[in-house]
Amino acid sequence: MAFEHRMQLRQNLAQVQVMSPQMQQSLAFLQAPMLDLQAMVNKELQENPVLEELSPDERPSTDDDNGSGAELIGKPDENEAAEPPADTKVMEPTEEANGEPHDDFQVEMERLAELSEEWREHFNASQVAPVSRPSEDDEERRQFMFESLTSGISLQEHLLEQAHLSDLDEEEMDVAEVIIGNIDENGFLQSTSDELIEASGKDADVVDEVLSVIRSFDPVGVGAADLRECLLLQLERIGKIESLEYQVIDQHMDALGRRRFPEIARAIGVGIDEVQDIAENISHLDPRPGSAYQETAEVYVVPEVFVDWKDGQWEVTSNREEMPQLRISNSYKDLLVEAKDSKDVREYIRGKIRDGNFLIKSIHQRHDTILKIGKEIVARQAEFLEKGISHLKPMTMSEISGKVGVHETTVSRAVSGKYMQTPQGLLEMRYFFTGAIQTDDGKGVSNTSVKQMIAVLVENEEKSKPLSDESIVKLLGKEKVKIARRTVAKYRGELGILSSSMRRVY
């Protein structure tokens, strides 16, 4: 039986949720941290000619109700984040009796002026405190900080500089470059002697001699094949080849890593107390000599919200100084008038004005959402702000979303990468959202607080008899905290705390 294969086109009707470009832009602004937001706004300023940013002198404050004449977004509607409100649209052209398009410029200008006043009043009303402008000394210190930033040098560059200053000849320098290229960011050599010989094309004596020279470079211990060799190189550099520390590392490295002090004491013929002193001295050596040269990106954060105790209550304010403040340039009026006879130009300008209005709305909607979430966090975590981490209450994003009136995913986007300046330090807003551990009285305690309790218990334990996970469970039970042993082990791992057998000091 033969089958006939044919290609066919069919039309299907289906409902698909698609995010408009404006919705995508609004969500991007909401999710962006302050520094990223500033970069995004700068890009929009370059692409949209009707937008301009207010200078610091033009920014309104609470004692300046008239503002600066900037056209700022009015209070955003929480339920309509996707599209701009109807009153933000520029008047569309009407048609005369003969069917020709006609622009009522006067009506359009008056409507835009009304929007300017509405946005300006909302902006001034939302100012909780006057904008504190930095003094000349503050600006000087800030500029000095940025000018003082230097780009770090990598470990490989540091070693190559030393190689060029050494007595290596041209042939040996080629070998040195091969060896240095095979040293990882922690300072350890990642290739065997045979691999280095093959890669460099030189004999074993030359490779060994150059490797010996590199191991004399700074940082001490660089070029070692493993941790044992690294620590031995460091002891050799300070003249402790004959020391007990050298003997322990050379012959009993595995037992030292497992803290088997009695075994080491018997092997080298000393007391356990002396072995503890030896281990203490070894702990001061650097297990990763190249780590100081690792290239780490500097991360700068700007707080979005400030929390201060003022007049007997917590005051929550937003960072207006860093918030981009935009307006629609007055020059668009002249452009519209000049383009009276060009429909394409008029439509282009109208489109840019609509885009600018929506951009301003998105920025201020972002500000309002983050500020509302910040206020709700403070209302629920007032005890933490006053007394510290042990009083951090469990809190979920769904609880906050219900109070603020937005979706849970909106809360997640709003707190992502945003920071809050509090009396307990600069904290990421996501830090306040933690799960709950049940207590005997039916209340919940934050898992962050439980971790802090575990850390305190371990810190105060008897070093010769460290607390097991089961013992920690019982001690937490006395504090009415119900927790499983495996959960204690999990939290202990997250805190970087070793097991009881590894913490024991003889």
Protein backbone atom coordinates (compact mmCIF):
# COMPACT_ATOMS: atom_id res chain seq x y z
CA MET A 1 0.00 0.00 0.00
CA ALA A 2 1.50 3.34 -1.05
CA PHE A 3 1.31 6.45 1.09
CA GLU A 4 1.25 9.90 -0.44
CA HIS A 5 3.14 12.62 1.42
CA ARG A 6 1.91 16.16 0.90
CA MET A 7 2.61 19.50 2.55
CA GLN A 8 -0.42 21.53 3.60
CA LEU A 9 -1.03 24.95 5.10
CA ARG A 10 -3.66 25.19 7.83
CA GLN A 11 -5.02 28.10 9.81
CA ASN A 12 -5.62 27.59 13.53
CA LEU A 13 -7.24 29.99 15.97
CA ALA A 14 -5.54 30.19 19.39
CA GLN A 15 -5.21 32.60 22.25
CA VAL A 16 -1.60 33.54 23.00
CA GLN A 17 -0.48 36.06 25.59
CA VAL A 18 2.08 38.39 24.06
CA MET A 19 3.87 41.15 25.92
CA SER A 20 3.84 44.47 24.15
CA PRO A 21 7.17 46.31 23.70
CA GLN A 22 5.98 48.90 26.24
CA MET A 23 5.19 46.20 28.81
CA GLN A 24 8.63 44.67 28.25
CA GLN A 25 10.24 48.08 28.73
CA SER A 26 8.26 48.72 31.92
CA LEU A 27 9.28 45.34 33.39
CA ALA A 28 12.92 45.92 32.40
CA PHE A 29 12.93 49.25 34.25
CA LEU A 30 11.31 47.66 37.30
CA GLN A 31 13.87 44.87 37.47
CA ALA A 32 16.95 47.00 36.78
CA PRO A 33 19.07 48.13 39.76
CA MET A 34 19.67 51.88 40.06
CA LEU A 35 22.99 51.95 38.17
CA ASP A 36 21.56 49.84 35.33
CA LEU A 37 18.48 52.05 35.24
CA GLN A 38 20.65 55.12 34.78
CA ALA A 39 22.41 53.45 31.84
CA MET A 40 19.07 52.49 30.28
CA VAL A 41 17.75 56.04 30.68
CA ASN A 42 20.89 57.47 29.09
CA LYS A 43 20.31 55.20 26.09
CA GLU A 44 16.71 56.42 25.80
CA LEU A 45 17.87 60.04 26.05
CA GLN A 46 20.15 59.48 23.06
CA GLU A 47 17.43 57.82 21.00
CA ASN A 48 14.47 60.07 21.83
CA PRO A 49 15.02 63.75 20.91
CA VAL A 50 11.99 65.04 22.87
CA LEU A 51 13.36 63.75 26.19
CA GLU A 52 15.72 65.66 28.44
CA GLU A 53 16.98 65.14 32.00
CA LEU A 54 16.55 67.73 34.72
CA SER A 55 19.75 69.20 36.08
CA PRO A 56 20.27 69.10 39.89
CA ASP A 57 19.32 72.79 40.16
CA GLU A 58 16.03 72.19 38.35
CA ARG A 59 14.86 69.30 40.52
CA PRO A 60 11.87 70.23 42.67
CA SER A 61 11.72 69.82 46.42
CA THR A 62 8.97 69.97 49.02
CA ASP A 63 9.44 73.66 49.55
CA ASP A 64 9.14 74.36 45.82
CA ASP A 65 5.58 73.54 44.82
CA ASN A 66 5.96 75.07 41.42
CA GLY A 67 8.73 72.66 40.56
CA SER A 68 10.96 73.38 37.64
CA GLY A 69 8.47 73.37 34.82
CA ALA A 70 9.37 69.79 33.96
CA GLU A 71 6.68 67.53 32.60
CA LEU A 72 6.75 64.62 35.03
CA ILE A 73 4.64 61.51 35.22
CA GLY A 74 1.57 61.58 37.40
CA LYS A 75 0.63 58.93 39.93
CA PRO A 76 0.70 55.60 38.09
CA ASP A 77 -2.24 53.25 38.10
CA GLU A 78 -1.11 50.01 39.76
CA ASN A 79 -3.60 47.96 37.79
CA GLU A 80 -2.46 49.22 34.40
CA ALA A 81 1.26 48.62 34.16
CA ALA A 82 1.12 47.47 30.56
CA GLU A 83 -0.31 50.53 28.82
CA PRO A 84 -0.14 54.26 29.56
CA PRO A 85 -3.35 55.85 30.88
CA ALA A 86 -5.64 57.39 28.34
CA ASP A 87 -4.93 60.98 29.41
CA THR A 88 -1.25 60.63 28.49
CA LYS A 89 -1.99 60.39 24.78
CA VAL A 90 -1.35 63.29 22.50
CA MET A 91 -4.45 64.47 20.66
CA GLU A 92 -4.91 62.74 17.34
CA PRO A 93 -5.64 64.74 14.18
CA THR A 94 -9.30 65.37 13.37
CA GLU A 95 -10.92 65.56 9.97
CA GLU A 96 -12.60 68.55 8.38
CA ALA A 97 -15.76 68.32 6.25
CA ASN A 98 -13.70 67.85 3.10
CA GLY A 99 -11.99 64.81 4.63
CA GLU A 100 -8.57 66.46 4.96
CA PRO A 101 -6.68 65.93 8.25
CA HIS A 102 -6.56 68.94 10.52
CA ASP A 103 -4.41 69.52 13.62
CA ASP A 104 -5.77 71.70 16.39
CA PHE A 105 -2.38 72.81 17.74
CA GLN A 106 -3.86 75.07 20.43
CA VAL A 107 -6.00 72.30 21.92
CA GLU A 108 -3.09 69.89 21.80
CA MET A 109 -0.71 72.33 23.51
CA GLU A 110 -3.23 73.09 26.25
CA ARG A 111 -3.78 69.40 26.92
CA LEU A 112 -0.07 68.72 27.20
CA ALA A 113 0.31 71.70 29.53
CA GLU A 114 -2.39 70.23 31.78
CA LEU A 115 -0.53 66.93 31.89
CA SER A 116 2.66 68.79 32.79
CA GLU A 117 0.95 70.39 35.77
CA GLU A 118 -0.62 67.10 36.92
CA TRP A 119 2.68 65.23 36.75
CA ARG A 120 4.54 68.04 38.49
CA GLU A 121 2.00 68.17 41.36
CA HIS A 122 2.23 64.41 41.86
CA PHE A 123 6.01 64.48 41.86
CA ASN A 124 6.14 67.28 44.43
CA ALA A 125 3.53 65.56 46.60
CA SER A 126 5.48 62.29 46.57
CA GLN A 127 8.62 63.95 47.86
CA VAL A 128 8.91 62.86 51.49
CA ALA A 129 11.92 65.01 52.25
CA PRO A 130 13.80 67.75 50.42
CA VAL A 131 16.51 66.49 48.11
CA SER A 132 19.83 66.90 49.86
CA ARG A 133 22.30 68.12 47.29
CA PRO A 134 25.91 67.11 47.79
CA SER A 135 28.30 69.81 48.92
CA GLU A 136 31.48 70.70 47.05
CA ASP A 137 33.50 68.66 49.57
CA ASP A 138 31.24 65.63 49.00
CA GLU A 139 31.64 65.94 45.23
CA GLU A 140 35.41 66.26 45.66
CA ARG A 141 35.62 63.12 47.78
CA ARG A 142 33.39 61.22 45.37
CA GLN A 143 35.51 62.26 42.37
CA PHE A 144 38.69 61.34 44.24
CA MET A 145 37.29 57.88 44.94
CA PHE A 146 36.55 57.23 41.26
CA GLU A 147 39.93 58.60 40.15
CA SER A 148 41.68 56.39 42.72
CA LEU A 149 40.23 53.17 41.29
CA THR A 150 42.92 51.12 39.56
CA SER A 151 42.68 48.04 37.42
CA GLY A 152 44.33 45.03 39.05
CA ILE A 153 47.16 43.00 37.57
CA SER A 154 46.69 39.28 36.95
CA LEU A 155 48.91 36.63 38.49
CA GLN A 156 50.31 35.70 35.07
CA GLU A 157 51.22 39.33 34.32
CA HIS A 158 52.87 39.64 37.73
CA LEU A 159 54.96 36.50 37.15
CA LEU A 160 55.94 37.54 33.62
CA GLU A 161 57.16 40.91 34.90
CA GLN A 162 59.42 39.10 37.39
CA ALA A 163 60.60 36.69 34.69
CA HIS A 164 61.69 39.60 32.47
CA LEU A 165 63.62 41.10 35.40
CA SER A 166 65.38 37.79 36.15
CA ASP A 167 68.57 36.38 34.61
CA LEU A 168 66.73 34.02 32.28
CA ASP A 169 68.08 33.98 28.73
CA GLU A 170 65.89 33.98 25.61
CA GLU A 171 65.60 30.18 25.47
CA GLU A 172 64.73 29.94 29.15
CA MET A 173 62.28 32.81 28.80
CA ASP A 174 60.31 30.78 26.25
CA VAL A 175 60.08 27.95 28.77
CA ALA A 176 59.07 30.39 31.52
CA GLU A 177 56.17 31.65 29.41
CA VAL A 178 54.95 28.07 28.91
CA ILE A 179 55.16 27.32 32.64
CA ILE A 180 53.47 30.58 33.68
CA GLY A 181 50.70 29.95 31.18
CA ASN A 182 49.98 26.66 32.95
CA ILE A 183 49.67 28.18 36.43
CA ASP A 184 46.05 28.64 37.55
CA GLU A 185 44.52 31.61 39.37
CA ASN A 186 45.36 30.09 42.77
CA GLY A 187 49.05 29.78 41.90
CA PHE A 188 49.21 26.02 41.30
CA LEU A 189 50.93 24.41 38.32
CA GLN A 190 48.39 22.46 36.28
CA SER A 191 50.77 20.51 34.04
CA THR A 192 53.22 17.67 34.71
CA SER A 193 56.94 17.87 33.91
CA ASP A 194 56.47 15.65 30.87
CA GLU A 195 53.70 17.93 29.53
CA LEU A 196 55.89 21.01 30.05
CA ILE A 197 58.81 19.35 28.27
CA GLU A 198 56.60 18.48 25.32
CA ALA A 199 54.98 21.93 25.17
CA SER A 200 58.26 23.86 25.39
CA GLY A 201 60.37 21.52 23.24
CA LYS A 202 63.22 21.73 25.74
CA ASP A 203 64.93 19.02 27.77
CA ALA A 204 64.05 18.16 31.35
CA ASP A 205 67.03 19.96 32.92
CA VAL A 206 66.08 23.30 31.35
CA VAL A 207 62.43 22.95 32.37
CA ASP A 208 63.33 21.99 35.95
CA GLU A 209 65.79 24.89 36.25
CA VAL A 210 63.28 27.47 34.95
CA LEU A 211 60.53 26.04 37.18
CA SER A 212 62.86 26.40 40.17
CA VAL A 213 63.39 30.07 39.27
CA ILE A 214 59.64 30.72 38.98
CA ARG A 215 59.05 29.08 42.36
CA SER A 216 61.36 31.72 43.83
CA PHE A 217 59.04 34.48 42.59
CA ASP A 218 56.43 36.35 44.55
CA PRO A 219 53.91 35.27 45.83
CA VAL A 220 55.63 32.66 47.94
CA GLY A 221 54.49 29.13 47.07
CA VAL A 222 53.58 29.87 43.46
CA GLY A 223 54.25 27.14 40.90
CA ALA A 224 53.65 24.26 43.32
CA ALA A 225 52.00 21.10 42.03
CA ASP A 226 49.74 20.67 45.07
CA LEU A 227 48.94 22.11 48.50
CA ARG A 228 51.62 20.08 50.27
CA GLU A 229 54.35 21.34 47.96
CA CYS A 230 52.97 24.89 48.20
CA LEU A 231 53.21 24.94 52.00
CA LEU A 232 56.68 23.38 51.95
CA LEU A 233 57.90 26.09 49.56
CA GLN A 234 56.64 28.74 51.95
CA LEU A 235 58.45 27.15 54.90
CA GLU A 236 61.63 26.83 52.82
CA ARG A 237 61.47 30.54 51.99
CA ILE A 238 61.44 31.51 55.68
CA GLY A 239 64.17 29.00 56.60
CA LYS A 240 62.10 26.39 58.44
CA ILE A 241 63.18 23.24 56.61
CA GLU A 242 64.27 21.64 59.87
CA SER A 243 61.10 22.63 61.76
CA LEU A 244 58.40 20.32 63.07
CA GLU A 245 55.89 22.19 60.85
CA TYR A 246 57.91 21.10 57.79
CA GLN A 247 58.04 17.51 59.05
CA VAL A 248 54.27 17.38 59.70
CA ILE A 249 53.40 18.77 56.27
CA ASP A 250 55.94 16.57 54.50
CA GLN A 251 55.06 13.28 56.19
CA HIS A 252 51.62 13.65 57.81
CA MET A 253 49.63 15.93 55.51
CA ASP A 254 46.61 13.62 55.34
CA ALA A 255 46.38 13.25 59.12
CA LEU A 256 46.75 17.02 59.53
CA GLY A 257 43.84 17.63 57.13
CA ARG A 258 41.68 15.28 59.19
CA ARG A 259 42.90 16.85 62.44
CA ARG A 260 44.17 13.54 63.80
CA PHE A 261 46.38 15.22 66.36
CA PRO A 262 46.95 12.17 68.61
CA GLU A 263 48.18 10.17 65.60
CA ILE A 264 50.61 12.95 64.61
CA ALA A 265 51.79 13.35 68.22
CA ARG A 266 52.69 9.66 68.44
CA ALA A 267 54.45 9.71 65.06
CA ILE A 268 56.74 12.69 65.77
CA GLY A 269 57.12 12.04 69.49
CA VAL A 270 55.58 15.21 70.98
CA GLY A 271 52.52 16.04 73.05
CA ILE A 272 49.07 16.82 71.65
CA ASP A 273 49.30 20.41 72.87
CA GLU A 274 52.46 20.93 70.82
CA VAL A 275 50.78 19.42 67.76
CA GLN A 276 47.96 21.94 68.22
CA ASP A 277 50.54 24.74 68.25
CA ILE A 278 52.13 23.31 65.10
CA ALA A 279 48.73 23.19 63.37
CA GLU A 280 48.10 26.79 64.44
CA ASN A 281 51.40 27.90 62.89
CA ILE A 282 50.65 26.03 59.66
CA SER A 283 47.22 27.69 59.47
CA HIS A 284 48.97 31.04 58.99
CA LEU A 285 50.50 29.86 55.69
CA ASP A 286 48.69 30.75 52.47
CA PRO A 287 46.95 27.74 50.84
CA ARG A 288 46.17 29.78 47.71
CA PRO A 289 49.08 32.16 47.06
CA GLY A 290 47.71 33.39 43.73
CA SER A 291 44.28 34.39 45.05
CA ALA A 292 45.44 37.94 45.82
CA TYR A 293 45.85 38.53 42.08
CA GLN A 294 42.50 37.16 40.98
CA GLU A 295 40.63 39.62 38.79
CA THR A 296 37.33 40.28 40.53
CA ALA A 297 34.88 42.76 39.12
CA GLU A 298 34.19 45.63 41.47
CA VAL A 299 30.51 45.73 42.35
CA TYR A 300 28.99 49.08 43.24
CA VAL A 301 25.49 49.30 44.65
CA VAL A 302 23.30 52.31 45.30
CA PRO A 303 20.54 52.07 47.92
CA GLU A 304 17.05 52.54 46.52
CA VAL A 305 15.43 53.09 49.92
CA PHE A 306 16.60 54.72 53.15
CA VAL A 307 15.22 53.71 56.57
CA ASP A 308 15.80 56.02 59.55
CA TRP A 309 14.36 56.39 63.04
CA LYS A 310 12.85 59.86 63.22
CA ASP A 311 10.39 61.49 65.61
CA GLY A 312 9.57 58.20 67.32
CA GLN A 313 8.84 56.17 64.18
CA TRP A 314 10.52 54.56 61.21
CA GLU A 315 10.77 56.84 58.20
CA VAL A 316 11.10 55.25 54.76
CA THR A 317 12.28 57.45 51.89
CA SER A 318 13.47 56.77 48.37
CA ASN A 319 16.79 57.78 46.87
CA ARG A 320 15.65 60.78 44.83
CA GLU A 321 19.17 62.03 44.24
CA GLU A 322 20.12 59.02 42.10
CA MET A 323 16.68 58.58 40.49
CA PRO A 324 16.68 59.80 36.87
CA GLN A 325 14.21 62.68 36.49
CA LEU A 326 13.06 63.44 32.95
CA ARG A 327 10.77 65.81 31.15
CA ILE A 328 9.44 66.39 27.66
CA SER A 329 11.45 69.17 26.09
CA ASN A 330 9.56 72.39 25.38
CA SER A 331 11.20 72.48 21.95
CA TYR A 332 8.71 69.89 20.69
CA LYS A 333 6.09 72.67 20.43
CA ASP A 334 8.22 74.58 17.97
CA LEU A 335 8.89 71.39 16.05
CA LEU A 336 5.17 70.64 15.77
CA VAL A 337 4.44 74.16 14.55
CA GLU A 338 7.25 74.06 12.03
CA ALA A 339 6.00 70.70 10.79
CA LYS A 340 2.47 71.96 10.23
CA ASP A 341 2.51 70.98 6.59
CA SER A 342 4.24 67.63 7.00
CA LYS A 343 2.08 64.78 8.25
CA ASP A 344 5.03 62.33 8.51
CA VAL A 345 7.04 64.69 10.70
CA ARG A 346 4.02 65.37 12.92
CA GLU A 347 3.40 61.65 13.40
CA TYR A 348 7.08 61.06 14.15
CA ILE A 349 7.10 63.78 16.85
CA ARG A 350 3.82 62.52 18.33
CA GLY A 351 5.24 58.99 18.51
CA LYS A 352 8.36 60.19 20.29
CA ILE A 353 6.26 62.18 22.77
CA ARG A 354 4.12 59.14 23.52
CA ASP A 355 7.26 57.03 24.03
CA GLY A 356 8.74 59.71 26.29
CA ASN A 357 5.57 59.96 28.35
CA PHE A 358 5.44 56.21 28.84
CA LEU A 359 9.13 56.13 29.78
CA ILE A 360 8.60 58.77 32.47
CA LYS A 361 5.54 56.89 33.72
CA SER A 362 7.49 53.62 33.89
CA ILE A 363 10.30 55.21 35.92
CA HIS A 364 7.95 56.74 38.47
CA GLN A 365 5.83 53.61 38.63
CA ARG A 366 9.03 51.71 39.39
CA HIS A 367 9.83 54.21 42.15
CA ASP A 368 6.36 53.98 43.69
CA THR A 369 6.33 50.17 43.62
CA ILE A 370 9.75 49.83 45.27
CA LEU A 371 8.90 52.46 47.89
CA LYS A 372 5.59 50.74 48.77
CA ILE A 373 7.37 47.39 49.12
CA GLY A 374 10.04 49.06 51.27
CA LYS A 375 7.41 50.54 53.58
CA GLU A 376 5.69 47.18 53.95
CA ILE A 377 9.00 45.48 54.74
CA VAL A 378 9.74 48.05 57.44
CA ALA A 379 6.25 47.66 58.91
CA ARG A 380 6.79 43.90 59.27
CA GLN A 381 10.46 43.93 60.25
CA ALA A 382 10.54 46.85 62.71
CA GLU A 383 11.83 44.59 65.48
CA PHE A 384 14.73 43.42 63.28
CA LEU A 385 15.68 47.02 62.45
CA GLU A 386 15.85 47.80 66.15
CA LYS A 387 17.34 44.62 67.66
CA GLY A 388 19.16 42.74 64.89
CA ILE A 389 19.14 39.48 62.96
CA SER A 390 17.80 37.28 65.74
CA HIS A 391 14.50 39.19 65.44
CA LEU A 392 14.11 38.79 61.67
CA LYS A 393 10.60 37.50 61.01
CA PRO A 394 9.67 35.01 58.28
CA MET A 395 8.11 36.78 55.32
CA THR A 396 7.06 35.71 51.84
CA MET A 397 6.63 37.68 48.65
CA SER A 398 3.00 36.62 48.36
CA GLU A 399 2.26 38.33 51.69
CA ILE A 400 3.81 41.57 50.48
CA SER A 401 2.16 41.36 47.06
CA GLY A 402 -1.26 41.17 48.73
CA LYS A 403 -0.58 44.31 50.73
CA VAL A 404 1.00 46.32 47.92
CA GLY A 405 -1.61 45.26 45.37
CA VAL A 406 0.68 43.77 42.73
CA HIS A 407 1.46 40.24 41.56
CA GLU A 408 4.01 38.14 43.44
CA THR A 409 6.29 38.09 40.39
CA THR A 410 6.23 41.89 40.36
CA VAL A 411 7.50 41.92 43.94
CA SER A 412 10.24 39.48 42.93
CA ARG A 413 11.31 41.75 40.07
CA ALA A 414 11.10 44.86 42.21
CA VAL A 415 13.41 43.58 44.98
CA SER A 416 15.90 41.86 42.68
CA GLY A 417 19.24 43.64 42.97
CA LYS A 418 17.76 46.53 45.00
CA TYR A 419 19.29 47.61 48.28
CA MET A 420 17.94 49.24 51.41
CA GLN A 421 20.03 51.38 53.77
CA THR A 422 18.99 50.44 57.31
CA PRO A 423 20.34 50.82 60.87
CA GLN A 424 21.48 47.19 60.49
CA GLY A 425 23.55 48.05 57.41
CA LEU A 426 23.12 48.09 53.64
CA LEU A 427 20.95 45.05 52.85
CA GLU A 428 19.50 43.64 49.66
CA MET A 429 15.73 43.88 49.81
CA ARG A 430 15.50 40.17 48.97
CA TYR A 431 17.34 39.48 52.27
CA PHE A 432 14.14 40.18 54.22
CA PHE A 433 12.21 37.37 52.49
CA THR A 434 12.89 34.13 54.35
CA GLY A 435 11.11 30.89 55.06
CA ALA A 436 9.81 29.93 58.48
CA ILE A 437 10.83 27.30 61.01
CA GLN A 438 7.94 26.27 63.26
CA THR A 439 8.18 26.80 67.02
CA ASP A 440 6.43 24.95 69.85
CA ASP A 441 4.06 27.83 70.50
CA GLY A 442 2.84 27.72 66.89
CA LYS A 443 4.73 30.80 65.78
CA GLY A 444 7.33 30.90 63.04
CA VAL A 445 10.96 32.00 63.21
CA SER A 446 13.01 33.05 60.20
CA ASN A 447 15.47 30.45 58.91
CA THR A 448 18.05 33.25 58.79
CA SER A 449 17.56 33.71 62.53
CA VAL A 450 17.94 29.95 63.04
CA LYS A 451 21.24 30.02 61.16
CA GLN A 452 22.38 32.82 63.43
CA MET A 453 21.42 30.74 66.47
CA ILE A 454 23.43 27.79 65.15
CA ALA A 455 26.45 30.02 64.52
CA VAL A 456 26.28 31.38 68.09
CA LEU A 457 26.01 27.88 69.56
CA VAL A 458 29.07 26.69 67.62
CA GLU A 459 31.03 29.81 68.51
CA ASN A 460 30.40 29.28 72.24
CA GLU A 461 30.85 25.50 72.30
CA GLU A 462 33.62 23.75 74.25
CA LYS A 463 36.37 23.28 71.66
CA SER A 464 37.43 19.89 73.00
CA LYS A 465 33.81 18.67 72.88
CA PRO A 466 32.17 20.34 69.86
CA LEU A 467 28.41 20.09 69.47
CA SER A 468 27.09 17.42 67.15
CA ASP A 469 24.16 18.17 64.86
CA GLU A 470 21.91 16.16 67.16
CA SER A 471 23.08 18.22 70.16
CA ILE A 472 22.30 21.43 68.27
CA VAL A 473 18.81 20.09 67.53
CA LYS A 474 18.22 19.53 71.26
CA LEU A 475 19.55 22.98 72.22
CA LEU A 476 17.34 24.65 69.61
CA GLY A 477 14.44 22.60 70.99
CA LYS A 478 14.97 24.26 74.36
CA GLU A 479 14.43 27.56 72.52
CA LYS A 480 11.14 26.10 71.19
CA VAL A 481 12.55 25.77 67.67
CA LYS A 482 11.59 22.51 65.94
CA ILE A 483 14.19 21.50 63.39
CA ALA A 484 15.43 18.23 61.88
CA ARG A 485 19.04 17.10 62.19
CA ARG A 486 19.48 17.08 58.40
CA THR A 487 18.29 20.70 58.32
CA VAL A 488 20.91 21.62 60.91
CA ALA A 489 23.54 19.92 58.74
CA LYS A 490 22.31 21.85 55.72
CA TYR A 491 22.39 25.21 57.50
CA ARG A 492 25.79 24.40 59.00
CA GLY A 493 27.14 23.73 55.51
CA GLU A 494 25.70 27.00 54.22
CA LEU A 495 27.43 28.81 57.10
CA GLY A 496 30.76 27.15 56.27
CA ILE A 497 30.91 25.36 59.65
CA LEU A 498 32.76 22.03 59.71
CA SER A 499 31.33 18.88 61.25
CA SER A 500 31.92 18.26 64.96
CA SER A 501 34.72 15.78 64.27
CA MET A 502 36.55 18.36 62.16
CA ARG A 503 36.04 21.08 64.77
CA ARG A 504 37.42 19.11 67.69
CA VAL A 505 40.56 20.59 69.27
CA TYR A 506 42.51 18.16 71.46
